[in-house]
Amino acid sequence: MRVLDLYQKVSEFTVGPEAQALSHCQKGCSRCCYVDLSVFQVESHNIENWFRSLPIEKQSAIREKWKTPLNTTQTFHGVEAKSCVFLHEEACTIYEARPLICRTQGLAMKFKDGADEYLDICPLNEDMLDELSEKEVLNLDLLNMILSQLEKVDAGNHSRERVALSDLREKL
């Protein structure tokens, strides 16, 4: 499996009728994009490869968007936060190559912390918690395990340090 295969599986889940019917997420909603993220190198490489495959004119146009100052907003938790370095006018400039965490935002996800199991969902979608079935909930632990394995394969004998998206943008 490659990282693109994992992204495809998540994409198939997010376009299913159940996920679509339960989600308030839509183009222009960027509430979850006010965060400073880091990603595994395998995802960083994917973004780099995608960006470098674009025509030079498209790369230049995207870089021009990145010159605008980052927006600041209040998060769901009441904290002031700057937008992701790839967000421009409430739209993702790397949408086609966005990392796994961005692909799963807004969806119901279950995960374990020790013996406790949790269900996480975007606060905008919380009103739908009672309507969820098991097939409408992503297993975040499984996704992270697969991504971690892909990182091991990609990194080989190299360092597996995470890459801050702000550092990645500077490389592009």
C-alpha atoms as a PDB file:
ATOM      1  CA  MET A   1       0.000   0.000   0.000  1.00  0.00           C
ATOM      2  CA  ARG A   2       1.128   3.536  -0.752  1.00  0.00           C
ATOM      3  CA  VAL A   3       0.034   6.742   0.933  1.00  0.00           C
ATOM      4  CA  LEU A   4      -2.078   7.529  -2.139  1.00  0.00           C
ATOM      5  CA  ASP A   5      -3.902   4.211  -1.677  1.00  0.00           C
ATOM      6  CA  LEU A   6      -4.690   5.153   1.924  1.00  0.00           C
ATOM      7  CA  TYR A   7      -5.963   8.536   0.778  1.00  0.00           C
ATOM      8  CA  GLN A   8      -8.156   6.791  -1.798  1.00  0.00           C
ATOM      9  CA  LYS A   9      -9.712   4.551   0.845  1.00  0.00           C
ATOM     10  CA  VAL A  10     -10.492   7.557   3.054  1.00  0.00           C
ATOM     11  CA  SER A  11     -11.874   9.404   0.037  1.00  0.00           C
ATOM     12  CA  GLU A  12     -14.180   6.475  -0.780  1.00  0.00           C
ATOM     13  CA  PHE A  13     -15.450   6.590   2.797  1.00  0.00           C
ATOM     14  CA  THR A  14     -16.019  10.363   2.757  1.00  0.00           C
ATOM     15  CA  VAL A  15     -17.999  10.345  -0.484  1.00  0.00           C
ATOM     16  CA  GLY A  16     -20.289   7.542   0.597  1.00  0.00           C
ATOM     17  CA  PRO A  17     -23.941   8.448   1.089  1.00  0.00           C
ATOM     18  CA  GLU A  18     -23.755   7.943   4.847  1.00  0.00           C
ATOM     19  CA  ALA A  19     -20.794  10.271   5.336  1.00  0.00           C
ATOM     20  CA  GLN A  20     -22.239  12.925   3.053  1.00  0.00           C
ATOM     21  CA  ALA A  21     -25.647  12.871   4.683  1.00  0.00           C
ATOM     22  CA  LEU A  22     -24.151  13.279   8.134  1.00  0.00           C
ATOM     23  CA  SER A  23     -21.603  16.000   7.415  1.00  0.00           C
ATOM     24  CA  HIS A  24     -22.022  19.759   7.531  1.00  0.00           C
ATOM     25  CA  CYS A  25     -18.560  20.095   6.005  1.00  0.00           C
ATOM     26  CA  GLN A  26     -18.520  21.805   2.662  1.00  0.00           C
ATOM     27  CA  LYS A  27     -16.335  23.959   0.464  1.00  0.00           C
ATOM     28  CA  GLY A  28     -15.525  27.184   2.282  1.00  0.00           C
ATOM     29  CA  CYS A  29     -15.727  25.685   5.773  1.00  0.00           C
ATOM     30  CA  SER A  30     -12.226  26.021   7.159  1.00  0.00           C
ATOM     31  CA  ARG A  31     -12.812  26.028  10.914  1.00  0.00           C
ATOM     32  CA  CYS A  32     -10.543  23.008  11.337  1.00  0.00           C
ATOM     33  CA  CYS A  33      -7.762  24.698   9.328  1.00  0.00           C
ATOM     34  CA  TYR A  34      -6.745  27.092  12.083  1.00  0.00           C
ATOM     35  CA  VAL A  35      -3.970  24.957  13.455  1.00  0.00           C
ATOM     36  CA  ASP A  36      -0.235  24.480  13.092  1.00  0.00           C
ATOM     37  CA  LEU A  37       0.283  20.899  11.925  1.00  0.00           C
ATOM     38  CA  SER A  38       3.155  18.572  11.257  1.00  0.00           C
ATOM     39  CA  VAL A  39       3.013  15.478   9.101  1.00  0.00           C
ATOM     40  CA  PHE A  40       4.984  12.304   8.545  1.00  0.00           C
ATOM     41  CA  GLN A  41       7.691  12.596   5.914  1.00  0.00           C
ATOM     42  CA  VAL A  42       5.818  10.210   3.625  1.00  0.00           C
ATOM     43  CA  GLU A  43       3.014  12.784   3.473  1.00  0.00           C
ATOM     44  CA  SER A  44       5.484  15.640   3.119  1.00  0.00           C
ATOM     45  CA  HIS A  45       7.045  13.830   0.143  1.00  0.00           C
ATOM     46  CA  ASN A  46       3.608  13.354  -1.371  1.00  0.00           C
ATOM     47  CA  ILE A  47       2.861  17.089  -1.125  1.00  0.00           C
ATOM     48  CA  GLU A  48       6.274  17.962  -2.576  1.00  0.00           C
ATOM     49  CA  ASN A  49       5.862  15.539  -5.481  1.00  0.00           C
ATOM     50  CA  TRP A  50       2.360  16.825  -6.206  1.00  0.00           C
ATOM     51  CA  PHE A  51       3.484  20.462  -6.115  1.00  0.00           C
ATOM     52  CA  ARG A  52       6.535  19.862  -8.304  1.00  0.00           C
ATOM     53  CA  SER A  53       4.374  18.024 -10.851  1.00  0.00           C
ATOM     54  CA  LEU A  54       2.281  21.147 -11.398  1.00  0.00           C
ATOM     55  CA  PRO A  55       3.034  23.427 -14.338  1.00  0.00           C
ATOM     56  CA  ILE A  56       5.410  26.253 -13.387  1.00  0.00           C
ATOM     57  CA  GLU A  57       2.629  28.827 -13.896  1.00  0.00           C
ATOM     58  CA  LYS A  58       0.392  27.009 -11.407  1.00  0.00           C
ATOM     59  CA  GLN A  59       3.243  26.714  -8.895  1.00  0.00           C
ATOM     60  CA  SER A  60       3.886  30.453  -9.212  1.00  0.00           C
ATOM     61  CA  ALA A  61       0.203  31.278  -8.754  1.00  0.00           C
ATOM     62  CA  ILE A  62       0.043  29.172  -5.593  1.00  0.00           C
ATOM     63  CA  ARG A  63       3.253  30.698  -4.219  1.00  0.00           C
ATOM     64  CA  GLU A  64       1.742  34.122  -4.820  1.00  0.00           C
ATOM     65  CA  LYS A  65      -1.253  33.177  -2.660  1.00  0.00           C
ATOM     66  CA  TRP A  66       1.125  32.127   0.106  1.00  0.00           C
ATOM     67  CA  LYS A  67       2.506  35.666   0.313  1.00  0.00           C
ATOM     68  CA  THR A  68      -0.678  36.957   1.950  1.00  0.00           C
ATOM     69  CA  PRO A  69      -0.650  37.119   5.755  1.00  0.00           C
ATOM     70  CA  LEU A  70      -2.221  34.237   7.646  1.00  0.00           C
ATOM     71  CA  ASN A  71      -5.704  34.782   9.028  1.00  0.00           C
ATOM     72  CA  THR A  72      -6.430  34.490  12.730  1.00  0.00           C
ATOM     73  CA  THR A  73      -9.683  33.256  14.252  1.00  0.00           C
ATOM     74  CA  GLN A  74     -11.052  31.847  17.456  1.00  0.00           C
ATOM     75  CA  THR A  75     -11.060  28.055  17.501  1.00  0.00           C
ATOM     76  CA  PHE A  76     -13.890  25.853  18.765  1.00  0.00           C
ATOM     77  CA  HIS A  77     -12.057  25.837  22.091  1.00  0.00           C
ATOM     78  CA  GLY A  78     -11.967  29.648  22.358  1.00  0.00           C
ATOM     79  CA  VAL A  79      -8.260  29.984  21.556  1.00  0.00           C
ATOM     80  CA  GLU A  80      -6.928  32.488  19.013  1.00  0.00           C
ATOM     81  CA  ALA A  81      -5.117  30.606  16.255  1.00  0.00           C
ATOM     82  CA  LYS A  82      -3.492  31.363  12.929  1.00  0.00           C
ATOM     83  CA  SER A  83      -4.572  29.510   9.852  1.00  0.00           C
ATOM     84  CA  CYS A  84      -2.668  26.676   8.255  1.00  0.00           C
ATOM     85  CA  VAL A  85       0.087  28.024   6.030  1.00  0.00           C
ATOM     86  CA  PHE A  86      -1.618  26.436   3.025  1.00  0.00           C
ATOM     87  CA  LEU A  87      -5.002  28.109   3.617  1.00  0.00           C
ATOM     88  CA  HIS A  88      -5.818  31.061   1.354  1.00  0.00           C
ATOM     89  CA  GLU A  89      -9.193  32.804   1.356  1.00  0.00           C
ATOM     90  CA  GLU A  90     -10.657  29.880   3.348  1.00  0.00           C
ATOM     91  CA  ALA A  91      -9.580  27.341   0.700  1.00  0.00           C
ATOM     92  CA  CYS A  92      -6.726  24.834   0.763  1.00  0.00           C
ATOM     93  CA  THR A  93      -4.045  25.541  -1.835  1.00  0.00           C
ATOM     94  CA  ILE A  94      -2.795  21.927  -1.665  1.00  0.00           C
ATOM     95  CA  TYR A  95      -6.231  20.306  -1.488  1.00  0.00           C
ATOM     96  CA  GLU A  96      -5.424  17.517  -3.949  1.00  0.00           C
ATOM     97  CA  ALA A  97      -2.360  16.497  -1.875  1.00  0.00           C
ATOM     98  CA  ARG A  98      -3.617  17.392   1.614  1.00  0.00           C
ATOM     99  CA  PRO A  99      -2.464  15.092   4.414  1.00  0.00           C
ATOM    100  CA  LEU A 100      -4.536  12.418   6.093  1.00  0.00           C
ATOM    101  CA  ILE A 101      -5.485  14.550   9.085  1.00  0.00           C
ATOM    102  CA  CYS A 102      -7.058  17.102   6.743  1.00  0.00           C
ATOM    103  CA  ARG A 103      -8.889  14.414   4.794  1.00  0.00           C
ATOM    104  CA  THR A 104     -10.578  13.120   7.942  1.00  0.00           C
ATOM    105  CA  GLN A 105     -11.590  16.432   9.528  1.00  0.00           C
ATOM    106  CA  GLY A 106     -15.290  16.723  10.256  1.00  0.00           C
ATOM    107  CA  LEU A 107     -15.840  12.979  10.205  1.00  0.00           C
ATOM    108  CA  ALA A 108     -16.726  10.882  13.202  1.00  0.00           C
ATOM    109  CA  MET A 109     -13.627   9.060  14.372  1.00  0.00           C
ATOM    110  CA  LYS A 110     -13.109   6.569  17.156  1.00  0.00           C
ATOM    111  CA  PHE A 111      -9.818   6.077  18.946  1.00  0.00           C
ATOM    112  CA  LYS A 112      -8.458   4.565  22.129  1.00  0.00           C
ATOM    113  CA  ASP A 113      -6.429   6.168  24.873  1.00  0.00           C
ATOM    114  CA  GLY A 114      -5.336   3.342  27.111  1.00  0.00           C
ATOM    115  CA  ALA A 115      -8.422   1.304  27.969  1.00  0.00           C
ATOM    116  CA  ASP A 116     -10.817   4.164  27.178  1.00  0.00           C
ATOM    117  CA  GLU A 117     -12.436   4.518  23.762  1.00  0.00           C
ATOM    118  CA  TYR A 118     -13.466   7.924  22.474  1.00  0.00           C
ATOM    119  CA  LEU A 119     -15.589   9.261  19.659  1.00  0.00           C
ATOM    120  CA  ASP A 120     -14.494  12.547  18.116  1.00  0.00           C
ATOM    121  CA  ILE A 121     -16.437  14.643  15.654  1.00  0.00           C
ATOM    122  CA  CYS A 122     -16.406  18.239  14.476  1.00  0.00           C
ATOM    123  CA  PRO A 123     -18.528  20.389  16.809  1.00  0.00           C
ATOM    124  CA  LEU A 124     -20.520  21.515  13.754  1.00  0.00           C
ATOM    125  CA  ASN A 125     -21.569  17.895  13.218  1.00  0.00           C
ATOM    126  CA  GLU A 126     -22.238  16.976  16.864  1.00  0.00           C
ATOM    127  CA  ASP A 127     -26.001  17.128  16.397  1.00  0.00           C
ATOM    128  CA  MET A 128     -25.697  13.996  14.261  1.00  0.00           C
ATOM    129  CA  LEU A 129     -23.996  11.800  16.876  1.00  0.00           C
ATOM    130  CA  ASP A 130     -27.221   9.984  17.715  1.00  0.00           C
ATOM    131  CA  GLU A 131     -27.757   9.108  14.040  1.00  0.00           C
ATOM    132  CA  LEU A 132     -24.334   7.526  13.473  1.00  0.00           C
ATOM    133  CA  SER A 133     -23.928   3.841  12.816  1.00  0.00           C
ATOM    134  CA  GLU A 134     -20.653   1.952  13.232  1.00  0.00           C
ATOM    135  CA  LYS A 135     -20.018   2.015   9.470  1.00  0.00           C
ATOM    136  CA  GLU A 136     -20.078   5.824   9.549  1.00  0.00           C
ATOM    137  CA  VAL A 137     -17.213   6.080  12.047  1.00  0.00           C
ATOM    138  CA  LEU A 138     -13.567   5.979  11.000  1.00  0.00           C
ATOM    139  CA  ASN A 139     -11.118   4.020  13.123  1.00  0.00           C
ATOM    140  CA  LEU A 140      -8.434   6.647  13.734  1.00  0.00           C
ATOM    141  CA  ASP A 141      -6.101   4.179  15.449  1.00  0.00           C
ATOM    142  CA  LEU A 142      -6.136   1.944  12.367  1.00  0.00           C
ATOM    143  CA  LEU A 143      -5.514   4.872  10.019  1.00  0.00           C
ATOM    144  CA  ASN A 144      -2.614   6.087  12.149  1.00  0.00           C
ATOM    145  CA  MET A 145      -1.140   2.574  12.314  1.00  0.00           C
ATOM    146  CA  ILE A 146      -1.264   2.252   8.516  1.00  0.00           C
ATOM    147  CA  LEU A 147       0.242   5.709   8.074  1.00  0.00           C
ATOM    148  CA  SER A 148       2.987   4.884  10.564  1.00  0.00           C
ATOM    149  CA  GLN A 149       3.820   1.697   8.637  1.00  0.00           C
ATOM    150  CA  LEU A 150       3.930   3.645   5.380  1.00  0.00           C
ATOM    151  CA  GLU A 151       6.311   6.089   7.061  1.00  0.00           C
ATOM    152  CA  LYS A 152       8.617   3.234   8.076  1.00  0.00           C
ATOM    153  CA  VAL A 153       8.717   1.961   4.509  1.00  0.00           C
ATOM    154  CA  ASP A 154       9.248   5.449   3.075  1.00  0.00           C
ATOM    155  CA  ALA A 155      11.907   6.480   5.602  1.00  0.00           C
ATOM    156  CA  GLY A 156      13.999   3.322   5.416  1.00  0.00           C
ATOM    157  CA  ASN A 157      17.125   4.110   7.396  1.00  0.00           C
ATOM    158  CA  HIS A 158      16.497   7.852   7.388  1.00  0.00           C
ATOM    159  CA  SER A 159      15.205   9.995  10.222  1.00  0.00           C
ATOM    160  CA  ARG A 160      11.461   9.744  10.723  1.00  0.00           C
ATOM    161  CA  GLU A 161      10.996  13.194  12.214  1.00  0.00           C
ATOM    162  CA  ARG A 162       7.712  14.881  11.466  1.00  0.00           C
ATOM    163  CA  VAL A 163       7.690  17.867   9.112  1.00  0.00           C
ATOM    164  CA  ALA A 164       5.971  21.101  10.106  1.00  0.00           C
ATOM    165  CA  LEU A 165       3.737  22.297   7.274  1.00  0.00           C
ATOM    166  CA  SER A 166       5.245  25.765   7.666  1.00  0.00           C
ATOM    167  CA  ASP A 167       8.715  24.283   7.022  1.00  0.00           C
ATOM    168  CA  LEU A 168       7.409  22.301   4.075  1.00  0.00           C
ATOM    169  CA  ARG A 169       5.912  25.405   2.465  1.00  0.00           C
ATOM    170  CA  GLU A 170       9.290  27.133   2.694  1.00  0.00           C
ATOM    171  CA  LYS A 171      10.829  24.273   0.684  1.00  0.00           C
ATOM    172  CA  LEU A 172       8.277  24.599  -2.086  1.00  0.00           C
END
